Structures are given as C-alpha cells and as structure tokens.
C-alpha cells in the first residue's frame, strides 16, 4: 500500500465540459466529487465563492492562466 507521500495521478474535471449540458438537478460540484474526481480545472476567471465551495467539498482547484 502506498503512503500519503507517494506520487499519484490526480484526475481533475474540466469545468468547460459543463457547457451545453442541460441544467443539473443538484449542484455540479457535488456531482463531480461523487463521480470520483480529485478536483476541478477552471478556465475562466472564477468567483471566490465557487473556489471556496469546491475546496469545502474536498476538491482540488486548478486554474488555467493565459
């Protein structure tokens, strides 16, 4: 069994993948976490509230900076 310091691959959900989907019955971040993702990759300027919500759910946050 690997210890917590061992390298591992983390899988982040790209927020743009939500574009064009029908509205969710629940919160998208909760669905992303429930699907087993380690975090969310944002590609637009984000609101602090969205970042805080993701982190409060235990999701990592990655932002693409141009």
C-alpha atoms as a PDB file:
ATOM      1  CA  UNK A   1       0.000   0.000   0.000  1.00  0.00           C
ATOM      2  CA  UNK A   2       1.322   3.442  -0.912  1.00  0.00           C
ATOM      3  CA  UNK A   3       1.744   6.012   1.816  1.00  0.00           C
ATOM      4  CA  UNK A   4       0.289   9.519   1.603  1.00  0.00           C
ATOM      5  CA  UNK A   5       3.625  10.920   0.373  1.00  0.00           C
ATOM      6  CA  UNK A   6       3.782   8.626  -2.655  1.00  0.00           C
ATOM      7  CA  UNK A   7       3.227  10.234  -6.054  1.00  0.00           C
ATOM      8  CA  UNK A   8      -0.161   9.554  -7.613  1.00  0.00           C
ATOM      9  CA  UNK A   9      -2.138  10.644 -10.619  1.00  0.00           C
ATOM     10  CA  UNK A  10      -4.905  13.111  -9.836  1.00  0.00           C
ATOM     11  CA  UNK A  11      -7.898  13.406 -12.144  1.00  0.00           C
ATOM     12  CA  UNK A  12      -9.498  16.858 -12.466  1.00  0.00           C
ATOM     13  CA  UNK A  13     -12.783  17.616 -14.224  1.00  0.00           C
ATOM     14  CA  UNK A  14     -12.622  20.442 -16.790  1.00  0.00           C
ATOM     15  CA  UNK A  15     -15.376  22.957 -15.990  1.00  0.00           C
ATOM     16  CA  UNK A  16     -15.906  23.765 -19.698  1.00  0.00           C
ATOM     17  CA  UNK A  17     -17.307  20.257 -20.165  1.00  0.00           C
ATOM     18  CA  UNK A  18     -20.494  21.542 -18.494  1.00  0.00           C
ATOM     19  CA  UNK A  19     -21.199  23.949 -21.376  1.00  0.00           C
ATOM     20  CA  UNK A  20     -24.158  22.836 -23.436  1.00  0.00           C
ATOM     21  CA  UNK A  21     -25.430  20.311 -20.883  1.00  0.00           C
ATOM     22  CA  UNK A  22     -28.971  20.559 -19.551  1.00  0.00           C
ATOM     23  CA  UNK A  23     -29.407  22.048 -16.062  1.00  0.00           C
ATOM     24  CA  UNK A  24     -28.431  19.822 -13.147  1.00  0.00           C
ATOM     25  CA  UNK A  25     -30.968  18.677 -10.607  1.00  0.00           C
ATOM     26  CA  UNK A  26     -28.295  19.186  -7.941  1.00  0.00           C
ATOM     27  CA  UNK A  27     -25.032  21.032  -7.574  1.00  0.00           C
ATOM     28  CA  UNK A  28     -22.432  20.339 -10.300  1.00  0.00           C
ATOM     29  CA  UNK A  29     -19.517  20.349  -7.847  1.00  0.00           C
ATOM     30  CA  UNK A  30     -21.172  17.688  -5.703  1.00  0.00           C
ATOM     31  CA  UNK A  31     -21.781  15.549  -8.803  1.00  0.00           C
ATOM     32  CA  UNK A  32     -18.131  15.970  -9.834  1.00  0.00           C
ATOM     33  CA  UNK A  33     -16.964  14.844  -6.395  1.00  0.00           C
ATOM     34  CA  UNK A  34     -19.407  11.923  -6.352  1.00  0.00           C
ATOM     35  CA  UNK A  35     -18.056  10.806  -9.745  1.00  0.00           C
ATOM     36  CA  UNK A  36     -14.647  10.356  -8.128  1.00  0.00           C
ATOM     37  CA  UNK A  37     -12.723  13.340  -9.494  1.00  0.00           C
ATOM     38  CA  UNK A  38      -9.916  14.801  -7.361  1.00  0.00           C
ATOM     39  CA  UNK A  39     -10.629  18.364  -8.379  1.00  0.00           C
ATOM     40  CA  UNK A  40     -11.867  20.849 -10.926  1.00  0.00           C
ATOM     41  CA  UNK A  41      -9.965  22.710 -13.634  1.00  0.00           C
ATOM     42  CA  UNK A  42     -11.397  26.156 -14.304  1.00  0.00           C
ATOM     43  CA  UNK A  43     -10.585  28.060 -17.492  1.00  0.00           C
ATOM     44  CA  UNK A  44     -12.411  31.302 -16.824  1.00  0.00           C
ATOM     45  CA  UNK A  45     -11.920  33.875 -14.101  1.00  0.00           C
ATOM     46  CA  UNK A  46     -13.609  32.293 -11.110  1.00  0.00           C
ATOM     47  CA  UNK A  47     -15.620  33.644  -8.285  1.00  0.00           C
ATOM     48  CA  UNK A  48     -14.145  33.210  -4.827  1.00  0.00           C
ATOM     49  CA  UNK A  49     -17.412  31.577  -3.762  1.00  0.00           C
ATOM     50  CA  UNK A  50     -17.056  28.821  -6.378  1.00  0.00           C
ATOM     51  CA  UNK A  51     -13.443  28.140  -5.372  1.00  0.00           C
ATOM     52  CA  UNK A  52     -14.377  28.015  -1.681  1.00  0.00           C
ATOM     53  CA  UNK A  53     -17.292  25.681  -2.409  1.00  0.00           C
ATOM     54  CA  UNK A  54     -15.043  23.299  -4.370  1.00  0.00           C
ATOM     55  CA  UNK A  55     -12.431  23.276  -1.613  1.00  0.00           C
ATOM     56  CA  UNK A  56     -15.056  22.763   1.096  1.00  0.00           C
ATOM     57  CA  UNK A  57     -16.106  19.592  -0.754  1.00  0.00           C
ATOM     58  CA  UNK A  58     -12.502  18.377  -0.691  1.00  0.00           C
ATOM     59  CA  UNK A  59     -11.895  19.076  -4.374  1.00  0.00           C
ATOM     60  CA  UNK A  60      -8.618  20.483  -5.635  1.00  0.00           C
ATOM     61  CA  UNK A  61      -8.744  23.603  -7.788  1.00  0.00           C
ATOM     62  CA  UNK A  62      -6.653  24.287 -10.885  1.00  0.00           C
ATOM     63  CA  UNK A  63      -6.954  27.460 -12.915  1.00  0.00           C
ATOM     64  CA  UNK A  64      -5.592  27.874 -16.421  1.00  0.00           C
ATOM     65  CA  UNK A  65      -3.761  31.183 -16.642  1.00  0.00           C
ATOM     66  CA  UNK A  66      -3.069  32.633 -20.094  1.00  0.00           C
END
